Amino acid sequence: MEPSPILAPVVALVAWTLVMMVWMIATRFAAMRRAGISLKGRVGTRSGSLEGVIEDSVNWKAHNYMHLVEQPTLFYAVALTLALADAGGGYNLILAWAYVGLRVVHSLFQATINIVTYRLILWVLSSFALIGLTVQAARAVCSHL
């Protein structure tokens, strides 16, 4: 059995999330070192405790990483539904790649320049792609009932 084509954008977004995780860790540890913050002996702290302590531009990577483990979980569920319903090609595949591409561009904007208006536009566009995929998944599932 051939894997559904829609699994490629799923794997791509997971890979991108891991890239952002590594970027976040690398920049955050360096910023903590510059600020004289040590992890030695720390108990029960949260990442939010670094707000206002290390540079905002460093925290932007962490904010984006959190965004990549929020809404994209819906994308993963819908894409897997489409794959299982044998509806992971054509228009759905285009929408899935659009979603992933928009999320990657959103990440780059948030992690670097962080202009909220641009981020909002990219988020809205990616949300429209996700809504389209959700409608397609509902149609695919309901057609088999």
C-alpha atoms as a PDB file:
ATOM      1  CA  MET A   1       0.000   0.000   0.000  1.00  0.00           C
ATOM      2  CA  GLU A   2       1.359   3.414  -0.989  1.00  0.00           C
ATOM      3  CA  PRO A   3       1.391   6.063   1.732  1.00  0.00           C
ATOM      4  CA  SER A   4      -1.053   8.892   1.201  1.00  0.00           C
ATOM      5  CA  PRO A   5       0.553  11.970  -0.377  1.00  0.00           C
ATOM      6  CA  ILE A   6      -0.872  14.174   2.398  1.00  0.00           C
ATOM      7  CA  LEU A   7       1.536  12.564   4.854  1.00  0.00           C
ATOM      8  CA  ALA A   8       4.440  14.487   3.244  1.00  0.00           C
ATOM      9  CA  PRO A   9       3.260  17.907   4.494  1.00  0.00           C
ATOM     10  CA  VAL A  10       2.554  16.329   7.899  1.00  0.00           C
ATOM     11  CA  VAL A  11       6.157  15.140   8.149  1.00  0.00           C
ATOM     12  CA  ALA A  12       7.398  18.491   6.800  1.00  0.00           C
ATOM     13  CA  LEU A  13       5.581  20.439   9.529  1.00  0.00           C
ATOM     14  CA  VAL A  14       6.866  18.100  12.238  1.00  0.00           C
ATOM     15  CA  ALA A  15      10.402  18.576  10.863  1.00  0.00           C
ATOM     16  CA  TRP A  16       9.928  22.359  10.818  1.00  0.00           C
ATOM     17  CA  THR A  17       8.697  22.268  14.421  1.00  0.00           C
ATOM     18  CA  LEU A  18      11.889  20.440  15.388  1.00  0.00           C
ATOM     19  CA  VAL A  19      13.984  23.055  13.546  1.00  0.00           C
ATOM     20  CA  MET A  20      12.237  25.770  15.557  1.00  0.00           C
ATOM     21  CA  MET A  21      12.828  23.797  18.752  1.00  0.00           C
ATOM     22  CA  VAL A  22      16.571  23.611  18.093  1.00  0.00           C
ATOM     23  CA  TRP A  23      16.664  27.338  17.170  1.00  0.00           C
ATOM     24  CA  MET A  24      14.768  28.165  20.372  1.00  0.00           C
ATOM     25  CA  ILE A  25      17.093  26.081  22.565  1.00  0.00           C
ATOM     26  CA  ALA A  26      20.266  27.441  20.982  1.00  0.00           C
ATOM     27  CA  THR A  27      19.249  31.093  21.263  1.00  0.00           C
ATOM     28  CA  ARG A  28      17.652  30.748  24.684  1.00  0.00           C
ATOM     29  CA  PHE A  29      20.595  29.029  26.360  1.00  0.00           C
ATOM     30  CA  ALA A  30      22.978  31.610  24.881  1.00  0.00           C
ATOM     31  CA  ALA A  31      20.751  34.453  26.140  1.00  0.00           C
ATOM     32  CA  MET A  32      20.504  32.868  29.580  1.00  0.00           C
ATOM     33  CA  ARG A  33      24.277  32.575  29.732  1.00  0.00           C
ATOM     34  CA  ARG A  34      24.624  36.273  28.764  1.00  0.00           C
ATOM     35  CA  ALA A  35      22.112  37.196  31.493  1.00  0.00           C
ATOM     36  CA  GLY A  36      23.994  35.144  34.076  1.00  0.00           C
ATOM     37  CA  ILE A  37      21.147  32.657  34.520  1.00  0.00           C
ATOM     38  CA  SER A  38      22.113  29.124  35.498  1.00  0.00           C
ATOM     39  CA  LEU A  39      19.880  26.058  35.477  1.00  0.00           C
ATOM     40  CA  LYS A  40      21.860  24.568  38.332  1.00  0.00           C
ATOM     41  CA  GLY A  41      19.628  24.167  41.363  1.00  0.00           C
ATOM     42  CA  ARG A  42      16.517  25.553  39.622  1.00  0.00           C
ATOM     43  CA  VAL A  43      13.291  23.815  40.576  1.00  0.00           C
ATOM     44  CA  GLY A  44       9.851  24.210  39.008  1.00  0.00           C
ATOM     45  CA  THR A  45      10.450  27.267  36.848  1.00  0.00           C
ATOM     46  CA  ARG A  46       8.468  27.935  33.686  1.00  0.00           C
ATOM     47  CA  SER A  47       9.657  29.329  30.385  1.00  0.00           C
ATOM     48  CA  GLY A  48       7.501  32.416  31.002  1.00  0.00           C
ATOM     49  CA  SER A  49       9.780  33.350  33.866  1.00  0.00           C
ATOM     50  CA  LEU A  50      12.290  34.468  31.218  1.00  0.00           C
ATOM     51  CA  GLU A  51       9.938  37.157  29.864  1.00  0.00           C
ATOM     52  CA  GLY A  52      11.558  40.533  30.463  1.00  0.00           C
ATOM     53  CA  VAL A  53      14.753  38.830  31.641  1.00  0.00           C
ATOM     54  CA  ILE A  54      16.231  37.816  28.294  1.00  0.00           C
ATOM     55  CA  GLU A  55      15.843  39.675  25.016  1.00  0.00           C
ATOM     56  CA  ASP A  56      12.359  39.733  23.470  1.00  0.00           C
ATOM     57  CA  SER A  57      13.793  38.570  20.142  1.00  0.00           C
ATOM     58  CA  VAL A  58      15.025  35.412  21.872  1.00  0.00           C
ATOM     59  CA  ASN A  59      11.630  34.754  23.462  1.00  0.00           C
ATOM     60  CA  TRP A  60       9.938  35.109  20.067  1.00  0.00           C
ATOM     61  CA  LYS A  61      11.394  31.724  19.053  1.00  0.00           C
ATOM     62  CA  ALA A  62       9.871  30.111  22.157  1.00  0.00           C
ATOM     63  CA  HIS A  63       6.520  31.783  21.496  1.00  0.00           C
ATOM     64  CA  ASN A  64       6.533  30.434  17.953  1.00  0.00           C
ATOM     65  CA  TYR A  65       7.509  26.946  19.072  1.00  0.00           C
ATOM     66  CA  MET A  66       4.471  26.948  21.375  1.00  0.00           C
ATOM     67  CA  HIS A  67       2.289  28.077  18.466  1.00  0.00           C
ATOM     68  CA  LEU A  68       3.602  25.136  16.441  1.00  0.00           C
ATOM     69  CA  VAL A  69       2.380  22.689  19.073  1.00  0.00           C
ATOM     70  CA  GLU A  70      -1.067  24.301  19.347  1.00  0.00           C
ATOM     71  CA  GLN A  71      -3.122  24.808  16.152  1.00  0.00           C
ATOM     72  CA  PRO A  72      -1.071  22.411  13.996  1.00  0.00           C
ATOM     73  CA  THR A  73      -2.315  19.522  16.134  1.00  0.00           C
ATOM     74  CA  LEU A  74      -5.663  20.090  14.418  1.00  0.00           C
ATOM     75  CA  PHE A  75      -3.874  19.950  11.058  1.00  0.00           C
ATOM     76  CA  TYR A  76      -2.285  16.622  11.966  1.00  0.00           C
ATOM     77  CA  ALA A  77      -5.648  15.133  12.956  1.00  0.00           C
ATOM     78  CA  VAL A  78      -7.392  16.359   9.801  1.00  0.00           C
ATOM     79  CA  ALA A  79      -4.540  15.297   7.516  1.00  0.00           C
ATOM     80  CA  LEU A  80      -4.471  11.818   9.037  1.00  0.00           C
ATOM     81  CA  THR A  81      -8.254  11.611   8.641  1.00  0.00           C
ATOM     82  CA  LEU A  82      -7.902  12.506   4.964  1.00  0.00           C
ATOM     83  CA  ALA A  83      -5.103   9.948   4.556  1.00  0.00           C
ATOM     84  CA  LEU A  84      -7.211   7.199   6.138  1.00  0.00           C
ATOM     85  CA  ALA A  85     -10.213   8.177   4.002  1.00  0.00           C
ATOM     86  CA  ASP A  86      -8.045   7.884   0.876  1.00  0.00           C
ATOM     87  CA  ALA A  87      -8.571  11.588   0.198  1.00  0.00           C
ATOM     88  CA  GLY A  88      -5.012  12.836   0.663  1.00  0.00           C
ATOM     89  CA  GLY A  89      -4.304  13.986  -2.864  1.00  0.00           C
ATOM     90  CA  GLY A  90      -5.435  16.668  -5.292  1.00  0.00           C
ATOM     91  CA  TYR A  91      -6.978  19.801  -3.792  1.00  0.00           C
ATOM     92  CA  ASN A  92      -6.479  18.489  -0.258  1.00  0.00           C
ATOM     93  CA  LEU A  93      -2.769  18.027  -0.842  1.00  0.00           C
ATOM     94  CA  ILE A  94      -2.504  21.581  -2.205  1.00  0.00           C
ATOM     95  CA  LEU A  95      -4.316  22.922   0.872  1.00  0.00           C
ATOM     96  CA  ALA A  96      -2.057  20.902   3.167  1.00  0.00           C
ATOM     97  CA  TRP A  97       1.115  22.254   1.547  1.00  0.00           C
ATOM     98  CA  ALA A  98      -0.362  25.767   1.660  1.00  0.00           C
ATOM     99  CA  TYR A  99      -0.991  25.337   5.387  1.00  0.00           C
ATOM    100  CA  VAL A 100       2.554  24.128   6.008  1.00  0.00           C
ATOM    101  CA  GLY A 101       4.110  26.840   3.861  1.00  0.00           C
ATOM    102  CA  LEU A 102       2.134  29.557   5.614  1.00  0.00           C
ATOM    103  CA  ARG A 103       3.100  28.174   9.037  1.00  0.00           C
ATOM    104  CA  VAL A 104       6.782  28.159   8.059  1.00  0.00           C
ATOM    105  CA  VAL A 105       6.590  31.762   6.815  1.00  0.00           C
ATOM    106  CA  HIS A 106       4.668  32.694   9.990  1.00  0.00           C
ATOM    107  CA  SER A 107       7.477  31.136  12.052  1.00  0.00           C
ATOM    108  CA  LEU A 108      10.155  33.062  10.203  1.00  0.00           C
ATOM    109  CA  PHE A 109       8.279  36.348  10.646  1.00  0.00           C
ATOM    110  CA  GLN A 110       7.578  35.734  14.322  1.00  0.00           C
ATOM    111  CA  ALA A 111      11.095  34.563  15.115  1.00  0.00           C
ATOM    112  CA  THR A 112      12.797  37.475  13.355  1.00  0.00           C
ATOM    113  CA  ILE A 113      10.840  40.709  12.781  1.00  0.00           C
ATOM    114  CA  ASN A 114       7.662  39.812  14.710  1.00  0.00           C
ATOM    115  CA  ILE A 115       5.389  42.421  13.137  1.00  0.00           C
ATOM    116  CA  VAL A 116       1.987  41.427  14.496  1.00  0.00           C
ATOM    117  CA  THR A 117       0.002  42.574  11.435  1.00  0.00           C
ATOM    118  CA  TYR A 118       2.025  40.292   9.137  1.00  0.00           C
ATOM    119  CA  ARG A 119       1.742  37.412  11.589  1.00  0.00           C
ATOM    120  CA  LEU A 120      -2.027  37.899  11.804  1.00  0.00           C
ATOM    121  CA  ILE A 121      -2.412  37.825   8.025  1.00  0.00           C
ATOM    122  CA  LEU A 122      -0.354  34.635   7.786  1.00  0.00           C
ATOM    123  CA  TRP A 123      -2.276  33.048  10.655  1.00  0.00           C
ATOM    124  CA  VAL A 124      -5.647  33.907   9.075  1.00  0.00           C
ATOM    125  CA  LEU A 125      -4.562  32.519   5.701  1.00  0.00           C
ATOM    126  CA  SER A 126      -3.275  29.308   7.282  1.00  0.00           C
ATOM    127  CA  SER A 127      -6.507  29.031   9.277  1.00  0.00           C
ATOM    128  CA  PHE A 128      -8.519  29.272   6.056  1.00  0.00           C
ATOM    129  CA  ALA A 129      -6.452  26.407   4.633  1.00  0.00           C
ATOM    130  CA  LEU A 130      -7.126  24.407   7.807  1.00  0.00           C
ATOM    131  CA  ILE A 131     -10.850  25.148   7.598  1.00  0.00           C
ATOM    132  CA  GLY A 132     -10.837  23.981   3.970  1.00  0.00           C
ATOM    133  CA  LEU A 133      -9.082  20.758   4.956  1.00  0.00           C
ATOM    134  CA  THR A 134     -11.563  20.217   7.780  1.00  0.00           C
ATOM    135  CA  VAL A 135     -14.524  20.626   5.437  1.00  0.00           C
ATOM    136  CA  GLN A 136     -12.916  18.196   2.999  1.00  0.00           C
ATOM    137  CA  ALA A 137     -12.272  15.676   5.794  1.00  0.00           C
ATOM    138  CA  ALA A 138     -15.885  15.940   6.957  1.00  0.00           C
ATOM    139  CA  ARG A 139     -17.075  15.337   3.391  1.00  0.00           C
ATOM    140  CA  ALA A 140     -14.749  12.362   2.989  1.00  0.00           C
ATOM    141  CA  VAL A 141     -15.832  10.786   6.270  1.00  0.00           C
ATOM    142  CA  CYS A 142     -19.548  11.462   5.754  1.00  0.00           C
ATOM    143  CA  SER A 143     -19.467  10.033   2.240  1.00  0.00           C
ATOM    144  CA  HIS A 144     -18.426   6.683   3.729  1.00  0.00           C
ATOM    145  CA  LEU A 145     -21.233   6.521   6.304  1.00  0.00           C
END
